C-alpha atoms as a PDB file:
ATOM      1  CA  MET A   1     -17.351  -0.823  -2.793  1.00  0.00           C
ATOM      2  CA  SER A   2     -15.524  -3.506  -4.623  1.00  0.00           C
ATOM      3  CA  ASN A   3     -17.673  -6.443  -5.176  1.00  0.00           C
ATOM      4  CA  TYR A   4     -15.037  -9.407  -4.128  1.00  0.00           C
ATOM      5  CA  ILE A   5     -14.478 -13.332  -4.847  1.00  0.00           C
ATOM      6  CA  THR A   6     -14.701 -15.472  -2.287  1.00  0.00           C
ATOM      7  CA  THR A   7     -11.657 -18.062  -2.968  1.00  0.00           C
ATOM      8  CA  ASN A   8      -8.861 -20.183  -0.940  1.00  0.00           C
ATOM      9  CA  ILE A   9      -6.054 -19.961  -0.582  1.00  0.00           C
ATOM     10  CA  ARG A  10      -2.932 -21.552   0.897  1.00  0.00           C
ATOM     11  CA  LEU A  11      -0.125 -20.092   2.981  1.00  0.00           C
ATOM     12  CA  SER A  12       2.270 -21.877   5.149  1.00  0.00           C
ATOM     13  CA  GLU A  13       1.495 -22.489   8.791  1.00  0.00           C
ATOM     14  CA  GLU A  14       4.203 -19.469   9.177  1.00  0.00           C
ATOM     15  CA  ASP A  15       2.765 -16.509   7.663  1.00  0.00           C
ATOM     16  CA  TYR A  16      -1.047 -17.875   8.220  1.00  0.00           C
ATOM     17  CA  PHE A  17       0.373 -17.365  12.389  1.00  0.00           C
ATOM     18  CA  ARG A  18       2.240 -14.497  11.676  1.00  0.00           C
ATOM     19  CA  LEU A  19      -1.007 -12.447   9.470  1.00  0.00           C
ATOM     20  CA  LYS A  20      -3.510 -14.137  11.705  1.00  0.00           C
ATOM     21  CA  GLU A  21      -1.318 -12.066  14.756  1.00  0.00           C
ATOM     22  CA  GLU A  22      -1.199  -8.835  13.009  1.00  0.00           C
ATOM     23  CA  ALA A  23      -4.542  -8.811  11.765  1.00  0.00           C
ATOM     24  CA  ALA A  24      -5.047  -9.252  16.367  1.00  0.00           C
ATOM     25  CA  LYS A  25      -2.389  -6.844  16.355  1.00  0.00           C
ATOM     26  CA  ARG A  26      -4.312  -4.469  14.134  1.00  0.00           C
ATOM     27  CA  ARG A  27      -8.041  -5.463  15.261  1.00  0.00           C
ATOM     28  CA  LYS A  28      -8.687  -6.335  11.898  1.00  0.00           C
ATOM     29  CA  SER A  29      -9.405  -9.741  10.180  1.00  0.00           C
ATOM     30  CA  LEU A  30      -7.267 -11.451   8.499  1.00  0.00           C
ATOM     31  CA  SER A  31      -9.101 -10.849   5.355  1.00  0.00           C
ATOM     32  CA  ALA A  32      -8.127  -7.937   5.418  1.00  0.00           C
ATOM     33  CA  VAL A  33      -4.819  -7.844   6.734  1.00  0.00           C
ATOM     34  CA  ILE A  34      -4.803 -10.382   3.683  1.00  0.00           C
ATOM     35  CA  ARG A  35      -6.053  -7.831   1.193  1.00  0.00           C
ATOM     36  CA  GLU A  36      -4.396  -4.382   1.860  1.00  0.00           C
ATOM     37  CA  LYS A  37      -1.791  -6.514   1.282  1.00  0.00           C
ATOM     38  CA  VAL A  38      -2.756  -7.112  -2.176  1.00  0.00           C
ATOM     39  CA  GLY A  39      -4.142  -3.969  -3.231  1.00  0.00           C
ATOM     40  CA  THR A  40      -1.248  -1.580  -2.753  1.00  0.00           C
ATOM     41  CA  LYS A  41       1.655  -3.439  -3.655  1.00  0.00           C
ATOM     42  CA  LYS A  42       2.540  -2.290  -5.975  1.00  0.00           C
ATOM     43  CA  ASN A  43       6.320  -2.855  -8.128  1.00  0.00           C
ATOM     44  CA  GLY A  44       6.573  -4.811  -4.788  1.00  0.00           C
ATOM     45  CA  HIS A  45       6.492  -1.750  -2.502  1.00  0.00           C
ATOM     46  CA  SER A  46       4.078  -0.702  -1.029  1.00  0.00           C
ATOM     47  CA  LYS A  47       2.776   2.771  -0.210  1.00  0.00           C
ATOM     48  CA  ALA A  48       3.327   3.776   2.104  1.00  0.00           C
ATOM     49  CA  ASP A  49       6.508   2.262   1.834  1.00  0.00           C
ATOM     50  CA  VAL A  50       6.426   4.441  -1.199  1.00  0.00           C
ATOM     51  CA  GLU A  51       5.564   7.041   1.336  1.00  0.00           C
ATOM     52  CA  LYS A  52       8.291   6.086   3.479  1.00  0.00           C
ATOM     53  CA  PHE A  53      10.738   6.266   1.005  1.00  0.00           C
ATOM     54  CA  MET A  54      10.372   9.571  -0.603  1.00  0.00           C
ATOM     55  CA  GLN A  55       9.999  11.464   2.725  1.00  0.00           C
ATOM     56  CA  ASP A  56      13.163  10.196   3.193  1.00  0.00           C
ATOM     57  CA  ILE A  57      14.779  11.421   0.006  1.00  0.00           C
ATOM     58  CA  ARG A  58      13.255  15.205   1.079  1.00  0.00           C
ATOM     59  CA  LYS A  59      15.177  15.639   4.029  1.00  0.00           C
ATOM     60  CA  LEU A  60      17.899  14.362   3.124  1.00  0.00           C
ATOM     61  CA  ALA A  61      17.871  15.930   0.374  1.00  0.00           C
ATOM     62  CA  ARG A  62      17.178  18.976   2.952  1.00  0.00           C
ATOM     63  CA  GLU A  63      20.780  18.264   4.267  1.00  0.00           C
ATOM     64  CA  ASN A  64      22.158  17.750   1.754  1.00  0.00           C
ATOM     65  CA  ALA A  65      21.675  21.729   0.894  1.00  0.00           C
ATOM     66  CA  LYS A  66      23.534  23.533   2.233  1.00  0.00           C
ATOM     67  CA  TYR A  67      26.651  21.873   0.744  1.00  0.00           C
ATOM     68  CA  LEU A  68      25.213  22.249  -2.548  1.00  0.00           C
ATOM     69  CA  LYS A  69      24.607  26.279  -2.481  1.00  0.00           C
ATOM     70  CA  GLY A  70      25.585  27.337  -6.328  1.00  0.00           C
ATOM     71  CA  VAL A  71      25.439  24.444  -8.342  1.00  0.00           C
ATOM     72  CA  ASP A  72      23.331  23.434 -10.921  1.00  0.00           C
ATOM     73  CA  GLY A  73      22.381  19.611 -11.210  1.00  0.00           C
ATOM     74  CA  VAL A  74      20.299  20.323 -13.018  1.00  0.00           C
ATOM     75  CA  LYS A  75      23.283  21.229 -15.415  1.00  0.00           C
ATOM     76  CA  ILE A  76      25.881  18.919 -14.420  1.00  0.00           C
ATOM     77  CA  ILE A  77      23.386  15.811 -14.568  1.00  0.00           C
ATOM     78  CA  ARG A  78      22.574  16.786 -18.275  1.00  0.00           C
ATOM     79  CA  ASN A  79      26.568  17.119 -19.100  1.00  0.00           C
ATOM     80  CA  MET A  80      27.179  13.484 -17.494  1.00  0.00           C
ATOM     81  CA  ARG A  81      24.681  12.681 -19.809  1.00  0.00           C
ATOM     82  CA  ASP A  82      25.620  13.824 -23.306  1.00  0.00           C
ATOM     83  CA  ASN A  83      29.242  13.069 -22.317  1.00  0.00           C
ATOM     84  CA  ALA A  84      28.207   9.737 -21.974  1.00  0.00           C
ATOM     85  CA  LYS A  85      31.094   7.105 -23.578  1.00  0.00           C
ATOM     86  CA  TRP A  86      29.134   4.256 -24.044  1.00  0.00           C
END
């Protein structure tokens, strides 16, 4: 378990009530919701956002695979890289 430091922050009234509502719906404390939002964000995306995005990408890849039989994607990308006119 992490050591916690108590701090004060200022939130807009709108953000405060939105977070309080989320906490109540999820049956968590306001502090727990804020810690999750601060602690799980990396590069602007939560872990759940990234996982959902990757699921969507995998689904699209499976759907597109039927149209790409016999196509060597790596070869195409290497060709694009090697023959680029920068």
